[in-house]
């Protein structure tokens, strides 16, 4: 299976994006203040 991008490309994308936008605009934020690009499969909190 061909991947869309590597982990390094994903990391570079988000670092570059942080130059243009605040983390709250790029990531999901949990109630305890953690930032996620994707909700983890085992996440049990509220997803907004």
PDB file of N, CA and C in Angstrom:
ATOM      1  N   UNK A   1       0.837  -1.180   0.000  1.00  0.00           N
ATOM      2  CA  UNK A   1       0.000   0.000   0.000  1.00  0.00           C
ATOM      3  C   UNK A   1       0.884   1.245   0.000  1.00  0.00           C
ATOM      4  N   UNK A   2       0.596   2.167  -0.867  1.00  0.00           N
ATOM      5  CA  UNK A   2       1.373   3.392  -0.963  1.00  0.00           C
ATOM      6  C   UNK A   2       0.874   4.403   0.071  1.00  0.00           C
ATOM      7  N   UNK A   3       1.800   5.057   0.758  1.00  0.00           N
ATOM      8  CA  UNK A   3       1.423   6.046   1.770  1.00  0.00           C
ATOM      9  C   UNK A   3       1.290   7.425   1.136  1.00  0.00           C
ATOM     10  N   UNK A   4       0.441   8.253   1.738  1.00  0.00           N
ATOM     11  CA  UNK A   4       0.254   9.612   1.243  1.00  0.00           C
ATOM     12  C   UNK A   4       1.459  10.479   1.566  1.00  0.00           C
ATOM     13  N   UNK A   5       1.979  10.328   2.774  1.00  0.00           N
ATOM     14  CA  UNK A   5       3.176  11.053   3.168  1.00  0.00           C
ATOM     15  C   UNK A   5       3.855  10.309   4.302  1.00  0.00           C
ATOM     16  N   UNK A   6       5.129  10.599   4.472  1.00  0.00           N
ATOM     17  CA  UNK A   6       5.888   9.949   5.537  1.00  0.00           C
ATOM     18  C   UNK A   6       5.665  10.692   6.846  1.00  0.00           C
ATOM     19  N   UNK A   7       6.098  10.084   7.931  1.00  0.00           N
ATOM     20  CA  UNK A   7       6.000  10.751   9.239  1.00  0.00           C
ATOM     21  C   UNK A   7       6.784  12.064   9.223  1.00  0.00           C
ATOM     22  N   UNK A   8       7.936  12.067   8.553  1.00  0.00           N
ATOM     23  CA  UNK A   8       8.738  13.295   8.482  1.00  0.00           C
ATOM     24  C   UNK A   8       8.014  14.378   7.683  1.00  0.00           C
ATOM     25  N   UNK A   9       7.378  14.014   6.585  1.00  0.00           N
ATOM     26  CA  UNK A   9       6.613  14.988   5.804  1.00  0.00           C
ATOM     27  C   UNK A   9       5.440  15.536   6.614  1.00  0.00           C
ATOM     28  N   UNK A  10       4.792  14.673   7.378  1.00  0.00           N
ATOM     29  CA  UNK A  10       3.690  15.106   8.228  1.00  0.00           C
ATOM     30  C   UNK A  10       4.195  16.090   9.286  1.00  0.00           C
ATOM     31  N   UNK A  11       5.313  15.761   9.910  1.00  0.00           N
ATOM     32  CA  UNK A  11       5.918  16.632  10.911  1.00  0.00           C
ATOM     33  C   UNK A  11       6.286  17.985  10.302  1.00  0.00           C
ATOM     34  N   UNK A  12       6.920  17.966   9.144  1.00  0.00           N
ATOM     35  CA  UNK A  12       7.300  19.208   8.457  1.00  0.00           C
ATOM     36  C   UNK A  12       6.073  20.053   8.124  1.00  0.00           C
ATOM     37  N   UNK A  13       4.999  19.406   7.692  1.00  0.00           N
ATOM     38  CA  UNK A  13       3.767  20.113   7.360  1.00  0.00           C
ATOM     39  C   UNK A  13       3.225  20.881   8.565  1.00  0.00           C
ATOM     40  N   UNK A  14       3.133  20.210   9.705  1.00  0.00           N
ATOM     41  CA  UNK A  14       2.568  20.867  10.882  1.00  0.00           C
ATOM     42  C   UNK A  14       3.490  21.952  11.428  1.00  0.00           C
ATOM     43  N   UNK A  15       4.785  21.735  11.390  1.00  0.00           N
ATOM     44  CA  UNK A  15       5.714  22.778  11.850  1.00  0.00           C
ATOM     45  C   UNK A  15       5.597  24.008  10.966  1.00  0.00           C
ATOM     46  N   UNK A  16       5.553  23.820   9.662  1.00  0.00           N
ATOM     47  CA  UNK A  16       5.409  24.949   8.737  1.00  0.00           C
ATOM     48  C   UNK A  16       4.045  25.621   8.919  1.00  0.00           C
ATOM     49  N   UNK A  17       3.006  24.844   9.130  1.00  0.00           N
ATOM     50  CA  UNK A  17       1.661  25.400   9.317  1.00  0.00           C
ATOM     51  C   UNK A  17       1.572  26.254  10.572  1.00  0.00           C
ATOM     52  N   UNK A  18       2.361  25.922  11.588  1.00  0.00           N
ATOM     53  CA  UNK A  18       2.349  26.704  12.826  1.00  0.00           C
ATOM     54  C   UNK A  18       2.922  28.103  12.632  1.00  0.00           C
ATOM     55  N   UNK A  19       3.621  28.325  11.530  1.00  0.00           N
ATOM     56  CA  UNK A  19       4.108  29.668  11.210  1.00  0.00           C
ATOM     57  C   UNK A  19       2.959  30.554  10.721  1.00  0.00           C
ATOM     58  N   UNK A  20       1.877  29.930  10.271  1.00  0.00           N
ATOM     59  CA  UNK A  20       0.755  30.658   9.681  1.00  0.00           C
ATOM     60  C   UNK A  20      -0.504  30.680  10.541  1.00  0.00           C
ATOM     61  N   UNK A  21      -0.628  29.728  11.439  1.00  0.00           N
ATOM     62  CA  UNK A  21      -1.860  29.618  12.227  1.00  0.00           C
ATOM     63  C   UNK A  21      -1.540  29.217  13.663  1.00  0.00           C
ATOM     64  N   UNK A  22      -2.444  29.538  14.558  1.00  0.00           N
ATOM     65  CA  UNK A  22      -2.294  29.164  15.964  1.00  0.00           C
ATOM     66  C   UNK A  22      -2.609  27.680  16.127  1.00  0.00           C
ATOM     67  N   UNK A  23      -2.006  27.043  17.128  1.00  0.00           N
ATOM     68  CA  UNK A  23      -2.250  25.609  17.342  1.00  0.00           C
ATOM     69  C   UNK A  23      -3.729  25.265  17.481  1.00  0.00           C
ATOM     70  N   UNK A  24      -4.518  26.149  18.085  1.00  0.00           N
ATOM     71  CA  UNK A  24      -5.942  25.885  18.265  1.00  0.00           C
ATOM     72  C   UNK A  24      -6.683  25.774  16.939  1.00  0.00           C
ATOM     73  N   UNK A  25      -6.141  26.357  15.891  1.00  0.00           N
ATOM     74  CA  UNK A  25      -6.762  26.290  14.565  1.00  0.00           C
ATOM     75  C   UNK A  25      -6.330  25.045  13.794  1.00  0.00           C
ATOM     76  N   UNK A  26      -5.187  24.472  14.160  1.00  0.00           N
ATOM     77  CA  UNK A  26      -4.652  23.318  13.436  1.00  0.00           C
ATOM     78  C   UNK A  26      -4.975  21.980  14.093  1.00  0.00           C
ATOM     79  N   UNK A  27      -5.128  21.998  15.407  1.00  0.00           N
ATOM     80  CA  UNK A  27      -5.244  20.757  16.152  1.00  0.00           C
ATOM     81  C   UNK A  27      -6.533  20.703  16.957  1.00  0.00           C
ATOM     82  N   UNK A  28      -6.922  19.483  17.290  1.00  0.00           N
ATOM     83  CA  UNK A  28      -7.999  19.272  18.246  1.00  0.00           C
ATOM     84  C   UNK A  28      -7.396  19.482  19.629  1.00  0.00           C
ATOM     85  N   UNK A  29      -8.145  20.094  20.536  1.00  0.00           N
ATOM     86  CA  UNK A  29      -7.663  20.341  21.890  1.00  0.00           C
ATOM     87  C   UNK A  29      -8.566  19.605  22.874  1.00  0.00           C
ATOM     88  N   UNK A  30      -7.951  18.818  23.745  1.00  0.00           N
ATOM     89  CA  UNK A  30      -8.713  18.093  24.758  1.00  0.00           C
ATOM     90  C   UNK A  30      -8.983  19.001  25.949  1.00  0.00           C
ATOM     91  N   UNK A  31      -9.860  18.559  26.827  1.00  0.00           N
ATOM     92  CA  UNK A  31     -10.184  19.356  28.016  1.00  0.00           C
ATOM     93  C   UNK A  31      -8.971  19.574  28.908  1.00  0.00           C
ATOM     94  N   UNK A  32      -8.024  18.644  28.883  1.00  0.00           N
ATOM     95  CA  UNK A  32      -6.829  18.813  29.711  1.00  0.00           C
ATOM     96  C   UNK A  32      -5.706  19.548  28.972  1.00  0.00           C
ATOM     97  N   UNK A  33      -6.021  20.131  27.812  1.00  0.00           N
ATOM     98  CA  UNK A  33      -5.080  20.992  27.104  1.00  0.00           C
ATOM     99  C   UNK A  33      -4.119  20.311  26.148  1.00  0.00           C
ATOM    100  N   UNK A  34      -4.336  19.055  25.852  1.00  0.00           N
ATOM    101  CA  UNK A  34      -3.472  18.356  24.891  1.00  0.00           C
ATOM    102  C   UNK A  34      -3.929  18.655  23.470  1.00  0.00           C
ATOM    103  N   UNK A  35      -2.958  18.705  22.566  1.00  0.00           N
ATOM    104  CA  UNK A  35      -3.250  18.962  21.157  1.00  0.00           C
ATOM    105  C   UNK A  35      -3.070  17.671  20.364  1.00  0.00           C
ATOM    106  N   UNK A  36      -4.044  17.393  19.489  1.00  0.00           N
ATOM    107  CA  UNK A  36      -3.975  16.218  18.627  1.00  0.00           C
ATOM    108  C   UNK A  36      -4.278  16.616  17.192  1.00  0.00           C
ATOM    109  N   UNK A  37      -3.478  16.087  16.269  1.00  0.00           N
ATOM    110  CA  UNK A  37      -3.775  16.275  14.850  1.00  0.00           C
ATOM    111  C   UNK A  37      -4.928  15.342  14.462  1.00  0.00           C
ATOM    112  N   UNK A  38      -4.968  14.179  15.111  1.00  0.00           N
ATOM    113  CA  UNK A  38      -6.010  13.182  14.887  1.00  0.00           C
ATOM    114  C   UNK A  38      -6.447  12.672  16.250  1.00  0.00           C
ATOM    115  N   UNK A  39      -7.727  12.373  16.400  1.00  0.00           N
ATOM    116  CA  UNK A  39      -8.183  11.801  17.661  1.00  0.00           C
ATOM    117  C   UNK A  39      -7.644  10.381  17.766  1.00  0.00           C
ATOM    118  N   UNK A  40      -6.978  10.030  18.864  1.00  0.00           N
ATOM    119  CA  UNK A  40      -6.503   8.656  19.039  1.00  0.00           C
ATOM    120  C   UNK A  40      -7.679   7.686  19.101  1.00  0.00           C
ATOM    121  N   UNK A  41      -7.478   6.482  18.617  1.00  0.00           N
ATOM    122  CA  UNK A  41      -8.550   5.484  18.620  1.00  0.00           C
ATOM    123  C   UNK A  41      -9.042   5.183  20.030  1.00  0.00           C
ATOM    124  N   UNK A  42      -8.150   5.262  21.013  1.00  0.00           N
ATOM    125  CA  UNK A  42      -8.530   4.931  22.386  1.00  0.00           C
ATOM    126  C   UNK A  42      -8.959   6.153  23.191  1.00  0.00           C
ATOM    127  N   UNK A  43      -9.153   7.304  22.551  1.00  0.00           N
ATOM    128  CA  UNK A  43      -9.548   8.521  23.262  1.00  0.00           C
ATOM    129  C   UNK A  43     -10.988   8.385  23.732  1.00  0.00           C
ATOM    130  N   UNK A  44     -11.212   8.632  25.015  1.00  0.00           N
ATOM    131  CA  UNK A  44     -12.538   8.439  25.613  1.00  0.00           C
ATOM    132  C   UNK A  44     -13.260   9.742  25.918  1.00  0.00           C
ATOM    133  N   UNK A  45     -12.608  10.880  25.754  1.00  0.00           N
ATOM    134  CA  UNK A  45     -13.227  12.159  26.075  1.00  0.00           C
ATOM    135  C   UNK A  45     -14.148  12.654  24.965  1.00  0.00           C
ATOM    136  N   UNK A  46     -14.623  13.860  25.154  1.00  0.00           N
ATOM    137  CA  UNK A  46     -15.523  14.476  24.175  1.00  0.00           C
ATOM    138  C   UNK A  46     -14.714  15.000  22.993  1.00  0.00           C
ATOM    139  N   UNK A  47     -15.146  14.689  21.797  1.00  0.00           N
ATOM    140  CA  UNK A  47     -14.471  15.139  20.579  1.00  0.00           C
ATOM    141  C   UNK A  47     -15.228  16.316  19.993  1.00  0.00           C
ATOM    142  N   UNK A  48     -14.536  17.439  19.862  1.00  0.00           N
ATOM    143  CA  UNK A  48     -15.164  18.631  19.282  1.00  0.00           C
ATOM    144  C   UNK A  48     -14.281  19.206  18.215  1.00  0.00           C
TER     145      UNK A  48
END
